[in-house]
């Protein structure tokens, strides 16, 4: 039997962990993730790891940051004036926000610093710069 290839629709259960062993995402106890190989809707290293696998097969693999959510970029940390934030929004360090761009999808941002006059926002993916491990279980493959 031939393994997973581009164009296949795959259902897979997964658990994503940081080097510390902390689970950051999992499909366990939920419906499996369904994706079409080659569409680029998931991180590149995850999709590449599925190529050649078959239904019922399990695998554990490690991804460097550049194969996963990318390296952290200092230029994605922005400091804005507090008056640019709605006055009724009670900001706290660690808070997640969705920034609206012109005609774009909302951009997720985390409040990383606050002062009397400024707010510093980090728009890097929360897992940028981190090596991660995935445990995957291929549930079904459709050609």
C-alpha atoms as a PDB file:
ATOM      1  CA  UNK A   1       0.000   0.000   0.000  1.00  0.00           C
ATOM      2  CA  UNK A   2       1.278   3.436  -0.962  1.00  0.00           C
ATOM      3  CA  UNK A   3       1.829   6.038   1.763  1.00  0.00           C
ATOM      4  CA  UNK A   4       0.401   9.538   2.078  1.00  0.00           C
ATOM      5  CA  UNK A   5       1.199  11.814  -0.842  1.00  0.00           C
ATOM      6  CA  UNK A   6       0.312  15.299  -2.044  1.00  0.00           C
ATOM      7  CA  UNK A   7      -3.413  15.720  -2.706  1.00  0.00           C
ATOM      8  CA  UNK A   8      -4.486  13.110  -0.136  1.00  0.00           C
ATOM      9  CA  UNK A   9      -7.025  14.103   2.517  1.00  0.00           C
ATOM     10  CA  UNK A  10      -5.751  12.900   5.876  1.00  0.00           C
ATOM     11  CA  UNK A  11      -7.299  12.622   9.328  1.00  0.00           C
ATOM     12  CA  UNK A  12      -4.742  12.592  12.120  1.00  0.00           C
ATOM     13  CA  UNK A  13      -4.685  12.806  15.901  1.00  0.00           C
ATOM     14  CA  UNK A  14      -1.779  14.790  17.280  1.00  0.00           C
ATOM     15  CA  UNK A  15      -0.194  16.088  20.443  1.00  0.00           C
ATOM     16  CA  UNK A  16       2.239  19.009  20.277  1.00  0.00           C
ATOM     17  CA  UNK A  17       4.777  19.481  23.074  1.00  0.00           C
ATOM     18  CA  UNK A  18       7.514  21.910  23.977  1.00  0.00           C
ATOM     19  CA  UNK A  19      10.998  20.647  24.898  1.00  0.00           C
ATOM     20  CA  UNK A  20       9.947  20.849  28.559  1.00  0.00           C
ATOM     21  CA  UNK A  21       7.236  18.257  27.845  1.00  0.00           C
ATOM     22  CA  UNK A  22       4.448  20.824  28.251  1.00  0.00           C
ATOM     23  CA  UNK A  23       1.554  20.099  25.870  1.00  0.00           C
ATOM     24  CA  UNK A  24       0.629  23.214  23.860  1.00  0.00           C
ATOM     25  CA  UNK A  25      -2.034  21.603  21.636  1.00  0.00           C
ATOM     26  CA  UNK A  26      -3.732  18.246  21.168  1.00  0.00           C
ATOM     27  CA  UNK A  27      -6.623  16.688  19.295  1.00  0.00           C
ATOM     28  CA  UNK A  28      -7.021  13.902  21.852  1.00  0.00           C
ATOM     29  CA  UNK A  29     -10.614  13.645  23.044  1.00  0.00           C
ATOM     30  CA  UNK A  30     -11.785  15.582  19.957  1.00  0.00           C
ATOM     31  CA  UNK A  31     -12.360  14.894  16.286  1.00  0.00           C
ATOM     32  CA  UNK A  32      -9.097  14.249  14.423  1.00  0.00           C
ATOM     33  CA  UNK A  33      -7.522  17.063  12.434  1.00  0.00           C
ATOM     34  CA  UNK A  34      -8.437  16.794   8.759  1.00  0.00           C
ATOM     35  CA  UNK A  35      -6.201  18.338   6.113  1.00  0.00           C
ATOM     36  CA  UNK A  36      -5.358  18.077   2.449  1.00  0.00           C
ATOM     37  CA  UNK A  37      -1.658  17.451   1.862  1.00  0.00           C
ATOM     38  CA  UNK A  38      -0.082  20.212  -0.211  1.00  0.00           C
ATOM     39  CA  UNK A  39      -2.506  23.005   0.680  1.00  0.00           C
ATOM     40  CA  UNK A  40      -0.056  24.542   3.145  1.00  0.00           C
ATOM     41  CA  UNK A  41      -2.686  25.087   5.844  1.00  0.00           C
ATOM     42  CA  UNK A  42      -0.477  23.658   8.609  1.00  0.00           C
ATOM     43  CA  UNK A  43       3.147  24.176   9.573  1.00  0.00           C
ATOM     44  CA  UNK A  44       5.509  22.808   6.895  1.00  0.00           C
ATOM     45  CA  UNK A  45       7.361  20.296   9.085  1.00  0.00           C
ATOM     46  CA  UNK A  46       4.108  18.681  10.231  1.00  0.00           C
ATOM     47  CA  UNK A  47       2.900  18.193   6.669  1.00  0.00           C
ATOM     48  CA  UNK A  48       6.282  16.809   5.519  1.00  0.00           C
ATOM     49  CA  UNK A  49       6.280  14.302   8.395  1.00  0.00           C
ATOM     50  CA  UNK A  50       2.989  12.838   7.131  1.00  0.00           C
ATOM     51  CA  UNK A  51       4.334  12.069   3.630  1.00  0.00           C
ATOM     52  CA  UNK A  52       4.754   8.310   3.198  1.00  0.00           C
ATOM     53  CA  UNK A  53       2.808   7.374   6.334  1.00  0.00           C
ATOM     54  CA  UNK A  54      -0.233   5.077   6.216  1.00  0.00           C
ATOM     55  CA  UNK A  55      -3.518   4.824   8.134  1.00  0.00           C
ATOM     56  CA  UNK A  56      -2.897   3.294  11.553  1.00  0.00           C
ATOM     57  CA  UNK A  57       0.737   4.409  11.667  1.00  0.00           C
ATOM     58  CA  UNK A  58       2.105   6.482  14.558  1.00  0.00           C
ATOM     59  CA  UNK A  59       5.166   8.703  14.644  1.00  0.00           C
ATOM     60  CA  UNK A  60       6.964  11.101  16.976  1.00  0.00           C
ATOM     61  CA  UNK A  61       9.133  13.827  15.430  1.00  0.00           C
ATOM     62  CA  UNK A  62      10.925  17.020  16.415  1.00  0.00           C
ATOM     63  CA  UNK A  63      10.762  20.318  14.553  1.00  0.00           C
ATOM     64  CA  UNK A  64      13.236  23.183  14.740  1.00  0.00           C
ATOM     65  CA  UNK A  65      11.658  26.669  14.865  1.00  0.00           C
ATOM     66  CA  UNK A  66      12.181  27.286  11.135  1.00  0.00           C
ATOM     67  CA  UNK A  67      10.195  24.091  10.340  1.00  0.00           C
ATOM     68  CA  UNK A  68       7.409  25.047  12.718  1.00  0.00           C
ATOM     69  CA  UNK A  69       6.319  28.570  13.693  1.00  0.00           C
ATOM     70  CA  UNK A  70       9.480  30.396  12.591  1.00  0.00           C
ATOM     71  CA  UNK A  71      12.123  32.314  14.483  1.00  0.00           C
ATOM     72  CA  UNK A  72      11.188  35.213  16.749  1.00  0.00           C
ATOM     73  CA  UNK A  73      11.536  38.568  15.002  1.00  0.00           C
ATOM     74  CA  UNK A  74      12.264  41.734  16.977  1.00  0.00           C
ATOM     75  CA  UNK A  75      10.548  43.819  14.279  1.00  0.00           C
ATOM     76  CA  UNK A  76       7.240  42.170  15.238  1.00  0.00           C
ATOM     77  CA  UNK A  77       7.339  43.822  18.689  1.00  0.00           C
ATOM     78  CA  UNK A  78       5.666  47.255  18.531  1.00  0.00           C
ATOM     79  CA  UNK A  79       5.293  50.057  21.051  1.00  0.00           C
ATOM     80  CA  UNK A  80       2.268  52.296  20.612  1.00  0.00           C
ATOM     81  CA  UNK A  81       0.886  55.289  22.463  1.00  0.00           C
ATOM     82  CA  UNK A  82      -1.708  54.408  25.093  1.00  0.00           C
ATOM     83  CA  UNK A  83      -4.211  56.824  23.581  1.00  0.00           C
ATOM     84  CA  UNK A  84      -4.357  54.520  20.512  1.00  0.00           C
ATOM     85  CA  UNK A  85      -6.055  51.931  22.754  1.00  0.00           C
ATOM     86  CA  UNK A  86      -9.762  52.272  23.582  1.00  0.00           C
ATOM     87  CA  UNK A  87      -9.984  53.810  27.084  1.00  0.00           C
ATOM     88  CA  UNK A  88     -12.445  51.164  28.314  1.00  0.00           C
ATOM     89  CA  UNK A  89      -9.990  48.322  27.513  1.00  0.00           C
ATOM     90  CA  UNK A  90      -8.299  47.255  30.766  1.00  0.00           C
ATOM     91  CA  UNK A  91      -4.856  46.088  29.631  1.00  0.00           C
ATOM     92  CA  UNK A  92      -2.668  43.627  31.527  1.00  0.00           C
ATOM     93  CA  UNK A  93       0.733  42.145  30.653  1.00  0.00           C
ATOM     94  CA  UNK A  94       0.146  38.721  29.082  1.00  0.00           C
ATOM     95  CA  UNK A  95      -3.253  39.684  27.682  1.00  0.00           C
ATOM     96  CA  UNK A  96      -4.029  38.513  24.129  1.00  0.00           C
ATOM     97  CA  UNK A  97      -5.515  41.011  21.681  1.00  0.00           C
ATOM     98  CA  UNK A  98      -6.645  40.884  18.055  1.00  0.00           C
ATOM     99  CA  UNK A  99      -5.402  43.888  16.085  1.00  0.00           C
ATOM    100  CA  UNK A 100      -7.436  44.921  13.074  1.00  0.00           C
ATOM    101  CA  UNK A 101      -5.623  45.733   9.861  1.00  0.00           C
ATOM    102  CA  UNK A 102      -7.079  47.379   6.776  1.00  0.00           C
ATOM    103  CA  UNK A 103      -8.852  44.618   4.854  1.00  0.00           C
ATOM    104  CA  UNK A 104      -6.846  41.887   6.594  1.00  0.00           C
ATOM    105  CA  UNK A 105      -7.603  39.137   9.041  1.00  0.00           C
ATOM    106  CA  UNK A 106      -7.134  40.165  12.682  1.00  0.00           C
ATOM    107  CA  UNK A 107      -3.506  39.977  13.830  1.00  0.00           C
ATOM    108  CA  UNK A 108      -3.012  38.258  17.206  1.00  0.00           C
ATOM    109  CA  UNK A 109      -0.857  40.213  19.646  1.00  0.00           C
ATOM    110  CA  UNK A 110       0.241  39.822  23.246  1.00  0.00           C
ATOM    111  CA  UNK A 111       0.692  42.729  25.655  1.00  0.00           C
ATOM    112  CA  UNK A 112       4.315  42.394  26.845  1.00  0.00           C
ATOM    113  CA  UNK A 113       4.863  45.744  28.592  1.00  0.00           C
ATOM    114  CA  UNK A 114       2.814  48.664  29.883  1.00  0.00           C
ATOM    115  CA  UNK A 115       3.759  52.151  31.014  1.00  0.00           C
ATOM    116  CA  UNK A 116       1.729  55.285  31.777  1.00  0.00           C
ATOM    117  CA  UNK A 117       2.062  56.423  28.160  1.00  0.00           C
ATOM    118  CA  UNK A 118       2.826  53.334  26.041  1.00  0.00           C
ATOM    119  CA  UNK A 119       1.774  49.742  25.342  1.00  0.00           C
ATOM    120  CA  UNK A 120       4.224  47.204  23.897  1.00  0.00           C
ATOM    121  CA  UNK A 121       2.681  44.467  21.758  1.00  0.00           C
ATOM    122  CA  UNK A 122       4.334  41.305  20.429  1.00  0.00           C
ATOM    123  CA  UNK A 123       2.815  39.996  17.185  1.00  0.00           C
ATOM    124  CA  UNK A 124       5.166  37.004  16.904  1.00  0.00           C
ATOM    125  CA  UNK A 125       3.396  33.640  17.048  1.00  0.00           C
ATOM    126  CA  UNK A 126       3.488  32.510  20.718  1.00  0.00           C
ATOM    127  CA  UNK A 127       5.527  29.445  19.652  1.00  0.00           C
ATOM    128  CA  UNK A 128       7.959  31.355  17.404  1.00  0.00           C
ATOM    129  CA  UNK A 129      11.560  30.514  18.215  1.00  0.00           C
ATOM    130  CA  UNK A 130      10.673  27.250  19.962  1.00  0.00           C
ATOM    131  CA  UNK A 131      11.610  23.710  19.000  1.00  0.00           C
ATOM    132  CA  UNK A 132       8.588  21.438  19.284  1.00  0.00           C
ATOM    133  CA  UNK A 133       7.738  17.741  19.236  1.00  0.00           C
ATOM    134  CA  UNK A 134       4.649  16.161  17.713  1.00  0.00           C
ATOM    135  CA  UNK A 135       3.200  12.725  18.346  1.00  0.00           C
ATOM    136  CA  UNK A 136       0.873  11.824  15.478  1.00  0.00           C
ATOM    137  CA  UNK A 137      -1.489   8.945  14.725  1.00  0.00           C
ATOM    138  CA  UNK A 138      -2.820   8.701  11.169  1.00  0.00           C
ATOM    139  CA  UNK A 139      -6.515   7.773  11.454  1.00  0.00           C
ATOM    140  CA  UNK A 140      -7.586   7.814   7.805  1.00  0.00           C
ATOM    141  CA  UNK A 141      -6.230   8.560   4.329  1.00  0.00           C
ATOM    142  CA  UNK A 142      -8.457   9.375   1.331  1.00  0.00           C
ATOM    143  CA  UNK A 143      -7.123   9.603  -2.211  1.00  0.00           C
END
